Amino acid sequence: MKNMSPVAFYFASVVSFVLANVLKDKSLSFYYILLVLGLVFFFIGMIKRIRTKR
């Protein structure tokens, strides 16, 4: 995970958000898990982006 680029984390967050919206009607617990996972991936990508800019 250290060598992954911030764009990969942003892409993973987008995929998590899309899957969360697709699975919203089928399973509400997976919806919330994927939503939180998407937010975590987004913030990890943002932190990696800030650290690599310096």
PDB file of N, CA and C in Angstrom:
ATOM      1  N   MET A   1       0.801  -1.190   0.000  1.00  0.00           N
ATOM      2  CA  MET A   1       0.000   0.000   0.000  1.00  0.00           C
ATOM      3  C   MET A   1       0.847   1.258   0.000  1.00  0.00           C
ATOM      4  N   LYS A   2       2.086   1.121   0.410  1.00  0.00           N
ATOM      5  CA  LYS A   2       2.949   2.300   0.430  1.00  0.00           C
ATOM      6  C   LYS A   2       3.279   2.802  -0.971  1.00  0.00           C
ATOM      7  N   ASN A   3       3.410   1.892  -1.923  1.00  0.00           N
ATOM      8  CA  ASN A   3       3.838   2.271  -3.267  1.00  0.00           C
ATOM      9  C   ASN A   3       2.675   2.636  -4.185  1.00  0.00           C
ATOM     10  N   MET A   4       1.445   2.576  -3.694  1.00  0.00           N
ATOM     11  CA  MET A   4       0.297   2.905  -4.538  1.00  0.00           C
ATOM     12  C   MET A   4       0.195   4.418  -4.705  1.00  0.00           C
ATOM     13  N   SER A   5      -0.216   4.831  -5.884  1.00  0.00           N
ATOM     14  CA  SER A   5      -0.348   6.265  -6.139  1.00  0.00           C
ATOM     15  C   SER A   5      -1.676   6.777  -5.572  1.00  0.00           C
ATOM     16  N   PRO A   6      -1.768   8.078  -5.337  1.00  0.00           N
ATOM     17  CA  PRO A   6      -3.022   8.645  -4.822  1.00  0.00           C
ATOM     18  C   PRO A   6      -4.196   8.431  -5.772  1.00  0.00           C
ATOM     19  N   VAL A   7      -3.919   8.362  -7.066  1.00  0.00           N
ATOM     20  CA  VAL A   7      -4.994   8.162  -8.043  1.00  0.00           C
ATOM     21  C   VAL A   7      -5.648   6.798  -7.847  1.00  0.00           C
ATOM     22  N   ALA A   8      -4.864   5.801  -7.456  1.00  0.00           N
ATOM     23  CA  ALA A   8      -5.416   4.471  -7.200  1.00  0.00           C
ATOM     24  C   ALA A   8      -6.384   4.509  -6.017  1.00  0.00           C
ATOM     25  N   PHE A   9      -6.057   5.284  -4.999  1.00  0.00           N
ATOM     26  CA  PHE A   9      -6.960   5.408  -3.859  1.00  0.00           C
ATOM     27  C   PHE A   9      -8.227   6.166  -4.236  1.00  0.00           C
ATOM     28  N   TYR A  10      -8.087   7.203  -5.066  1.00  0.00           N
ATOM     29  CA  TYR A  10      -9.269   7.919  -5.537  1.00  0.00           C
ATOM     30  C   TYR A  10     -10.163   6.998  -6.367  1.00  0.00           C
ATOM     31  N   PHE A  11      -9.555   6.188  -7.217  1.00  0.00           N
ATOM     32  CA  PHE A  11     -10.319   5.247  -8.037  1.00  0.00           C
ATOM     33  C   PHE A  11     -11.026   4.225  -7.150  1.00  0.00           C
ATOM     34  N   ALA A  12     -10.344   3.741  -6.118  1.00  0.00           N
ATOM     35  CA  ALA A  12     -10.961   2.779  -5.204  1.00  0.00           C
ATOM     36  C   ALA A  12     -12.131   3.418  -4.460  1.00  0.00           C
ATOM     37  N   SER A  13     -12.018   4.687  -4.125  1.00  0.00           N
ATOM     38  CA  SER A  13     -13.126   5.352  -3.443  1.00  0.00           C
ATOM     39  C   SER A  13     -14.326   5.508  -4.370  1.00  0.00           C
ATOM     40  N   VAL A  14     -14.083   5.822  -5.635  1.00  0.00           N
ATOM     41  CA  VAL A  14     -15.178   5.943  -6.598  1.00  0.00           C
ATOM     42  C   VAL A  14     -15.870   4.598  -6.786  1.00  0.00           C
ATOM     43  N   VAL A  15     -15.087   3.533  -6.899  1.00  0.00           N
ATOM     44  CA  VAL A  15     -15.663   2.190  -7.045  1.00  0.00           C
ATOM     45  C   VAL A  15     -16.485   1.826  -5.807  1.00  0.00           C
ATOM     46  N   SER A  16     -15.998   2.178  -4.632  1.00  0.00           N
ATOM     47  CA  SER A  16     -16.740   1.893  -3.405  1.00  0.00           C
ATOM     48  C   SER A  16     -18.057   2.661  -3.365  1.00  0.00           C
ATOM     49  N   PHE A  17     -18.034   3.926  -3.781  1.00  0.00           N
ATOM     50  CA  PHE A  17     -19.265   4.710  -3.789  1.00  0.00           C
ATOM     51  C   PHE A  17     -20.276   4.151  -4.793  1.00  0.00           C
ATOM     52  N   VAL A  18     -19.807   3.735  -5.958  1.00  0.00           N
ATOM     53  CA  VAL A  18     -20.708   3.177  -6.970  1.00  0.00           C
ATOM     54  C   VAL A  18     -21.308   1.863  -6.481  1.00  0.00           C
ATOM     55  N   LEU A  19     -20.470   0.990  -5.926  1.00  0.00           N
ATOM     56  CA  LEU A  19     -20.985  -0.278  -5.398  1.00  0.00           C
ATOM     57  C   LEU A  19     -21.956  -0.045  -4.246  1.00  0.00           C
ATOM     58  N   ALA A  20     -21.686   0.949  -3.428  1.00  0.00           N
ATOM     59  CA  ALA A  20     -22.593   1.262  -2.325  1.00  0.00           C
ATOM     60  C   ALA A  20     -23.965   1.666  -2.860  1.00  0.00           C
ATOM     61  N   ASN A  21     -23.992   2.469  -3.907  1.00  0.00           N
ATOM     62  CA  ASN A  21     -25.277   2.891  -4.465  1.00  0.00           C
ATOM     63  C   ASN A  21     -25.996   1.748  -5.168  1.00  0.00           C
ATOM     64  N   VAL A  22     -25.253   0.832  -5.766  1.00  0.00           N
ATOM     65  CA  VAL A  22     -25.881  -0.318  -6.425  1.00  0.00           C
ATOM     66  C   VAL A  22     -26.480  -1.268  -5.384  1.00  0.00           C
ATOM     67  N   LEU A  23     -25.772  -1.467  -4.280  1.00  0.00           N
ATOM     68  CA  LEU A  23     -26.215  -2.426  -3.264  1.00  0.00           C
ATOM     69  C   LEU A  23     -27.102  -1.811  -2.183  1.00  0.00           C
ATOM     70  N   LYS A  24     -27.481  -0.555  -2.339  1.00  0.00           N
ATOM     71  CA  LYS A  24     -28.249   0.132  -1.305  1.00  0.00           C
ATOM     72  C   LYS A  24     -29.587  -0.548  -1.037  1.00  0.00           C
ATOM     73  N   ASP A  25     -30.282  -0.962  -2.064  1.00  0.00           N
ATOM     74  CA  ASP A  25     -31.601  -1.568  -1.890  1.00  0.00           C
ATOM     75  C   ASP A  25     -31.516  -3.012  -1.410  1.00  0.00           C
ATOM     76  N   LYS A  26     -30.422  -3.684  -1.724  1.00  0.00           N
ATOM     77  CA  LYS A  26     -30.304  -5.104  -1.373  1.00  0.00           C
ATOM     78  C   LYS A  26     -29.832  -5.309   0.057  1.00  0.00           C
ATOM     79  N   SER A  27     -28.852  -4.539   0.475  1.00  0.00           N
ATOM     80  CA  SER A  27     -28.290  -4.733   1.812  1.00  0.00           C
ATOM     81  C   SER A  27     -27.830  -3.382   2.360  1.00  0.00           C
ATOM     82  N   LEU A  28     -28.519  -2.934   3.360  1.00  0.00           N
ATOM     83  CA  LEU A  28     -28.216  -1.625   3.924  1.00  0.00           C
ATOM     84  C   LEU A  28     -26.905  -1.633   4.702  1.00  0.00           C
ATOM     85  N   SER A  29     -26.553  -2.769   5.295  1.00  0.00           N
ATOM     86  CA  SER A  29     -25.299  -2.832   6.049  1.00  0.00           C
ATOM     87  C   SER A  29     -24.100  -2.736   5.113  1.00  0.00           C
ATOM     88  N   PHE A  30     -24.144  -3.411   3.953  1.00  0.00           N
ATOM     89  CA  PHE A  30     -23.059  -3.294   2.973  1.00  0.00           C
ATOM     90  C   PHE A  30     -22.970  -1.876   2.427  1.00  0.00           C
ATOM     91  N   TYR A  31     -24.113  -1.211   2.311  1.00  0.00           N
ATOM     92  CA  TYR A  31     -24.136   0.166   1.845  1.00  0.00           C
ATOM     93  C   TYR A  31     -23.303   1.056   2.755  1.00  0.00           C
ATOM     94  N   TYR A  32     -23.533   0.945   4.065  1.00  0.00           N
ATOM     95  CA  TYR A  32     -22.797   1.781   5.002  1.00  0.00           C
ATOM     96  C   TYR A  32     -21.324   1.392   5.086  1.00  0.00           C
ATOM     97  N   ILE A  33     -21.037   0.097   5.006  1.00  0.00           N
ATOM     98  CA  ILE A  33     -19.640  -0.349   5.033  1.00  0.00           C
ATOM     99  C   ILE A  33     -18.888   0.193   3.827  1.00  0.00           C
ATOM    100  N   LEU A  34     -19.474   0.078   2.637  1.00  0.00           N
ATOM    101  CA  LEU A  34     -18.814   0.576   1.429  1.00  0.00           C
ATOM    102  C   LEU A  34     -18.722   2.098   1.416  1.00  0.00           C
ATOM    103  N   LEU A  35     -19.695   2.751   1.994  1.00  0.00           N
ATOM    104  CA  LEU A  35     -19.655   4.212   2.071  1.00  0.00           C
ATOM    105  C   LEU A  35     -18.496   4.671   2.948  1.00  0.00           C
ATOM    106  N   VAL A  36     -18.329   4.045   4.095  1.00  0.00           N
ATOM    107  CA  VAL A  36     -17.226   4.392   4.990  1.00  0.00           C
ATOM    108  C   VAL A  36     -15.895   4.023   4.344  1.00  0.00           C
ATOM    109  N   LEU A  37     -15.848   2.876   3.678  1.00  0.00           N
ATOM    110  CA  LEU A  37     -14.626   2.455   3.003  1.00  0.00           C
ATOM    111  C   LEU A  37     -14.240   3.436   1.898  1.00  0.00           C
ATOM    112  N   GLY A  38     -15.212   3.943   1.153  1.00  0.00           N
ATOM    113  CA  GLY A  38     -14.941   4.937   0.131  1.00  0.00           C
ATOM    114  C   GLY A  38     -14.387   6.225   0.715  1.00  0.00           C
ATOM    115  N   LEU A  39     -14.930   6.645   1.844  1.00  0.00           N
ATOM    116  CA  LEU A  39     -14.409   7.850   2.504  1.00  0.00           C
ATOM    117  C   LEU A  39     -12.987   7.637   3.003  1.00  0.00           C
ATOM    118  N   VAL A  40     -12.709   6.458   3.539  1.00  0.00           N
ATOM    119  CA  VAL A  40     -11.355   6.155   4.022  1.00  0.00           C
ATOM    120  C   VAL A  40     -10.363   6.170   2.869  1.00  0.00           C
ATOM    121  N   PHE A  41     -10.723   5.529   1.752  1.00  0.00           N
ATOM    122  CA  PHE A  41      -9.832   5.531   0.586  1.00  0.00           C
ATOM    123  C   PHE A  41      -9.597   6.947   0.070  1.00  0.00           C
ATOM    124  N   PHE A  42     -10.644   7.765   0.076  1.00  0.00           N
ATOM    125  CA  PHE A  42     -10.499   9.131  -0.403  1.00  0.00           C
ATOM    126  C   PHE A  42      -9.524   9.923   0.468  1.00  0.00           C
ATOM    127  N   PHE A  43      -9.677   9.802   1.783  1.00  0.00           N
ATOM    128  CA  PHE A  43      -8.795  10.556   2.670  1.00  0.00           C
ATOM    129  C   PHE A  43      -7.368  10.023   2.652  1.00  0.00           C
ATOM    130  N   ILE A  44      -7.188   8.713   2.482  1.00  0.00           N
ATOM    131  CA  ILE A  44      -5.835   8.168   2.343  1.00  0.00           C
ATOM    132  C   ILE A  44      -5.180   8.720   1.078  1.00  0.00           C
ATOM    133  N   GLY A  45      -5.934   8.768  -0.009  1.00  0.00           N
ATOM    134  CA  GLY A  45      -5.412   9.338  -1.253  1.00  0.00           C
ATOM    135  C   GLY A  45      -5.062  10.803  -1.112  1.00  0.00           C
ATOM    136  N   MET A  46      -5.892  11.537  -0.377  1.00  0.00           N
ATOM    137  CA  MET A  46      -5.619  12.954  -0.170  1.00  0.00           C
ATOM    138  C   MET A  46      -4.363  13.149   0.676  1.00  0.00           C
ATOM    139  N   ILE A  47      -4.193  12.344   1.703  1.00  0.00           N
ATOM    140  CA  ILE A  47      -3.011  12.450   2.555  1.00  0.00           C
ATOM    141  C   ILE A  47      -1.748  12.089   1.777  1.00  0.00           C
ATOM    142  N   LYS A  48      -1.832  11.033   0.958  1.00  0.00           N
ATOM    143  CA  LYS A  48      -0.666  10.658   0.149  1.00  0.00           C
ATOM    144  C   LYS A  48      -0.331  11.742  -0.856  1.00  0.00           C
ATOM    145  N   ARG A  49      -1.335  12.392  -1.409  1.00  0.00           N
ATOM    146  CA  ARG A  49      -1.116  13.474  -2.369  1.00  0.00           C
ATOM    147  C   ARG A  49      -0.412  14.660  -1.705  1.00  0.00           C
ATOM    148  N   ILE A  50      -0.837  14.995  -0.507  1.00  0.00           N
ATOM    149  CA  ILE A  50      -0.218  16.110   0.215  1.00  0.00           C
ATOM    150  C   ILE A  50       1.225  15.780   0.565  1.00  0.00           C
ATOM    151  N   ARG A  51       1.483  14.549   0.987  1.00  0.00           N
ATOM    152  CA  ARG A  51       2.846  14.154   1.378  1.00  0.00           C
ATOM    153  C   ARG A  51       3.801  14.084   0.185  1.00  0.00           C
ATOM    154  N   THR A  52       3.311  13.695  -0.980  1.00  0.00           N
ATOM    155  CA  THR A  52       4.200  13.578  -2.136  1.00  0.00           C
ATOM    156  C   THR A  52       4.452  14.936  -2.808  1.00  0.00           C
ATOM    157  N   LYS A  53       3.637  15.925  -2.529  1.00  0.00           N
ATOM    158  CA  LYS A  53       3.843  17.248  -3.123  1.00  0.00           C
ATOM    159  C   LYS A  53       5.028  17.971  -2.518  1.00  0.00           C
ATOM    160  N   ARG A  54       5.389  17.620  -1.305  1.00  0.00           N
ATOM    161  CA  ARG A  54       6.474  18.338  -0.614  1.00  0.00           C
ATOM    162  C   ARG A  54       7.816  17.932  -1.129  1.00  0.00           C
TER     163      ARG A  54
END
